[in-house]
Structures are given as structure tokens and as C-alpha cells.
Amino acid sequence: MIRENKFDAERLEELVDHRSGLLGISTDSSDMRRLHEAALTNADARLAVEMFCYSVRKQIAGMIAALDGVDLVVFTGGIGENDPVVRVAICDGLSWIGVRLADRPNRAASNPISDPGSRCPVLVLGSQEDEQIARHARALFDCRQIPGDRMDTP
């Protein structure tokens, strides 16, 4: 991009950080909720959703290979916690290791969301991101209160 399109570092950073991924593929949105709606009539939005699910399946499969198996699959974060359609698309691609979802629990995010016959449980867990940020902020604040600590100096 730098050589062929004469992008400077700022423009390249904007492209990578804000114009790629779901938005870059769909050319419409990076919001999965909007992409599901758009996918009904827009092939690029449909492709973005499919590529996202494929990418997640590939990462899970890589972790399974590296760890020599799987004990539990957990969905978390915005999409993982709130999108039963994406969870199905991801887990359907993991049927080769025996992962199966139960329809009703998956739609309700009622744990476990896996079918009783699944080779490993599948759960949906809240990420509690705000709580974790608060913990880190508190730890930083507490460090500043310790005399002689290197963070004590401006």
C-alpha cells in the first residue's frame, strides 16, 4: 500500500485500524447486527459474516491442535455473548470434533448451550470488561499511593 498507493503511515494505520475487517469486506458496517440485516440482500455483508465465522473456527481448530484436544468452548465478548446465529455457524464448522449446540439454550444463551451429546461443553460467559478495567484502574491508583514506588514520581 505504501509503495503502490503512496500511503503514508497515518493513512495506512487508518486503513488497518478502522477500514479493514468486517467493514472492509462488507463496505457497510463492522457491527454484526447490521451485517445480519444487510446479508439478506447484500452479498458482501453475507461474505463478511461468513469470513468472520470461518476465521473464528480456524483459530479454535488451531488451539485444539496446539493443546492436543478441547475440554470446553466459551463464547464471550459482544458477538460471542449476543449472537446465537454466529455461534451456530462457528460450532457447525467444529462438528468434526463432536461440538454440537442445543437450539433453544443457544438462542437464550442459557448455559450450557451445547447439546447433551456434544463431546465438550459450550458456554456463553459475560466478559465483564468494565469490571476488569476498574480493577486495573484501581491497581494503578493503589501503586501511586506507595511512597518510593517508581510510579510515585511524576
Protein backbone atom coordinates (compact mmCIF):
# COMPACT_ATOMS: atom_id res chain seq x y z
CA MET A 1 0.00 0.00 0.00
CA ILE A 2 2.89 2.33 0.76
CA ARG A 3 4.68 1.54 -2.49
CA GLU A 4 1.75 1.15 -4.90
CA ASN A 5 -0.79 3.60 -3.44
CA LYS A 6 1.62 6.07 -1.84
CA PHE A 7 0.03 5.69 1.61
CA ASP A 8 1.84 7.38 4.46
CA ALA A 9 1.95 5.80 7.94
CA GLU A 10 -1.13 7.68 9.13
CA ARG A 11 -3.25 6.62 6.17
CA LEU A 12 -2.06 3.01 6.45
CA GLU A 13 -2.89 3.00 10.17
CA GLU A 14 -6.38 4.34 9.41
CA LEU A 15 -6.89 1.60 6.82
CA VAL A 16 -5.74 -1.22 9.09
CA ASP A 17 -7.35 0.01 12.31
CA HIS A 18 -10.62 1.45 11.01
CA ARG A 19 -11.38 0.34 7.46
CA SER A 20 -10.49 -3.37 7.38
CA GLY A 21 -12.09 -6.48 8.87
CA LEU A 22 -15.87 -6.68 8.75
CA LEU A 23 -16.17 -3.12 7.42
CA GLY A 24 -13.55 -3.66 4.74
CA ILE A 25 -15.25 -6.77 3.43
CA SER A 26 -18.85 -5.59 3.71
CA THR A 27 -18.14 -1.94 2.81
CA ASP A 28 -21.16 -1.23 5.01
CA SER A 29 -20.52 -1.82 8.70
CA SER A 30 -18.42 -3.52 11.33
CA ASP A 31 -21.50 -4.07 13.50
CA MET A 32 -22.55 -7.72 13.28
CA ARG A 33 -26.19 -6.83 13.98
CA ARG A 34 -26.30 -4.56 10.93
CA LEU A 35 -24.43 -7.11 8.85
CA HIS A 36 -27.02 -9.80 9.61
CA GLU A 37 -29.77 -7.48 8.34
CA ALA A 38 -27.76 -6.42 5.29
CA ALA A 39 -26.78 -10.03 4.50
CA LEU A 40 -30.34 -10.72 3.40
CA THR A 41 -29.77 -8.63 0.26
CA ASN A 42 -26.06 -7.79 0.21
CA ALA A 43 -23.56 -10.46 -0.84
CA ASP A 44 -20.62 -8.51 0.63
CA ALA A 45 -22.28 -8.35 4.06
CA ARG A 46 -23.01 -12.08 3.85
CA LEU A 47 -19.38 -12.72 2.91
CA ALA A 48 -18.16 -10.63 5.87
CA VAL A 49 -20.23 -12.72 8.32
CA GLU A 50 -19.09 -15.98 6.71
CA MET A 51 -15.43 -14.93 6.77
CA PHE A 52 -15.70 -13.89 10.42
CA CYS A 53 -17.14 -17.28 11.41
CA TYR A 54 -14.56 -19.11 9.31
CA SER A 55 -11.75 -17.14 10.94
CA VAL A 56 -13.00 -17.95 14.45
CA ARG A 57 -13.38 -21.66 13.56
CA LYS A 58 -9.84 -21.67 12.18
CA GLN A 59 -8.47 -20.11 15.37
CA ILE A 60 -10.35 -22.58 17.57
CA ALA A 61 -9.11 -25.50 15.45
CA GLY A 62 -5.55 -24.21 15.74
CA MET A 63 -5.86 -24.01 19.51
CA ILE A 64 -7.31 -27.53 19.63
CA ALA A 65 -4.34 -28.82 17.64
CA ALA A 66 -1.82 -26.94 19.79
CA LEU A 67 -3.44 -28.09 23.04
CA ASP A 68 -4.00 -31.65 21.82
CA GLY A 69 -7.74 -31.53 22.41
CA VAL A 70 -10.52 -29.44 23.85
CA ASP A 71 -12.22 -29.51 27.26
CA LEU A 72 -14.54 -26.52 26.86
CA VAL A 73 -15.53 -23.91 24.27
CA VAL A 74 -16.52 -20.50 25.64
CA PHE A 75 -18.14 -17.63 23.75
CA THR A 76 -17.68 -14.17 25.25
CA GLY A 77 -17.47 -10.54 24.21
CA GLY A 78 -20.08 -8.64 22.24
CA ILE A 79 -20.61 -11.07 19.39
CA GLY A 80 -19.94 -14.25 21.38
CA GLU A 81 -22.36 -13.26 24.14
CA ASN A 82 -25.14 -11.89 21.96
CA ASP A 83 -25.20 -13.62 18.58
CA PRO A 84 -26.69 -17.13 18.51
CA VAL A 85 -26.53 -17.23 14.70
CA VAL A 86 -22.77 -16.70 14.71
CA ARG A 87 -22.34 -19.28 17.49
CA VAL A 88 -24.19 -21.83 15.35
CA ALA A 89 -22.11 -21.04 12.26
CA ILE A 90 -18.90 -21.41 14.25
CA CYS A 91 -19.89 -24.60 16.03
CA ASP A 92 -21.35 -26.24 12.92
CA GLY A 93 -17.85 -26.00 11.50
CA LEU A 94 -16.50 -27.79 14.58
CA SER A 95 -18.74 -30.84 14.23
CA TRP A 96 -15.67 -32.88 13.22
CA ILE A 97 -14.57 -32.79 16.86
CA GLY A 98 -18.05 -33.50 18.16
CA VAL A 99 -19.12 -29.96 19.14
CA ARG A 100 -22.90 -29.62 18.88
CA LEU A 101 -25.19 -26.85 20.09
CA ALA A 102 -28.67 -27.20 21.54
CA ASP A 103 -31.01 -24.84 19.67
CA ARG A 104 -33.16 -23.46 22.49
CA PRO A 105 -30.36 -22.94 25.06
CA ASN A 106 -28.18 -21.33 22.38
CA ARG A 107 -30.91 -18.87 21.38
CA ALA A 108 -31.44 -17.96 25.05
CA ALA A 109 -27.72 -18.06 25.94
CA SER A 110 -28.72 -20.41 28.74
CA ASN A 111 -25.70 -22.45 29.82
CA PRO A 112 -24.65 -24.90 28.74
CA ILE A 113 -25.60 -24.10 25.16
CA SER A 114 -24.15 -27.39 23.95
CA ASP A 115 -26.26 -30.39 23.09
CA PRO A 116 -26.08 -33.15 25.74
CA GLY A 117 -24.37 -35.33 23.11
CA SER A 118 -21.62 -32.80 22.44
CA ARG A 119 -18.09 -34.10 23.10
CA CYS A 120 -17.33 -30.97 25.13
CA PRO A 121 -19.47 -28.34 26.81
CA VAL A 122 -20.05 -24.99 25.14
CA LEU A 123 -20.81 -21.96 27.30
CA VAL A 124 -21.61 -18.27 26.94
CA LEU A 125 -19.89 -16.15 29.59
CA GLY A 126 -20.07 -12.42 30.13
CA SER A 127 -16.71 -10.76 29.62
CA GLN A 128 -17.11 -8.28 32.47
CA GLU A 129 -14.83 -5.87 30.63
CA ASP A 130 -15.91 -2.84 32.66
CA GLU A 131 -15.15 -4.65 35.91
CA GLN A 132 -11.70 -5.63 34.66
CA ILE A 133 -10.95 -2.06 33.58
CA ALA A 134 -11.99 -0.86 37.05
CA ARG A 135 -9.64 -3.41 38.67
CA HIS A 136 -6.73 -2.21 36.55
CA ALA A 137 -7.52 1.44 37.27
CA ARG A 138 -7.69 0.70 41.00
CA ALA A 139 -4.36 -1.15 40.88
CA LEU A 140 -2.74 1.83 39.15
CA PHE A 141 -4.22 4.19 41.72
CA ASP A 142 -3.00 1.97 44.59
CA CYS A 143 0.52 1.84 43.13
CA ARG A 144 0.71 5.63 43.07
CA GLN A 145 -0.05 5.72 46.80
CA ILE A 146 3.04 3.71 47.79
CA PRO A 147 5.93 6.04 48.78
CA GLY A 148 9.11 5.18 46.94
CA ASP A 149 7.31 3.23 44.25
CA ARG A 150 8.63 4.12 40.81
CA MET A 151 5.11 5.21 39.77
CA ASP A 152 5.15 7.68 42.70
CA THR A 153 7.29 10.14 40.77
CA PRO A 154 5.79 12.30 38.02
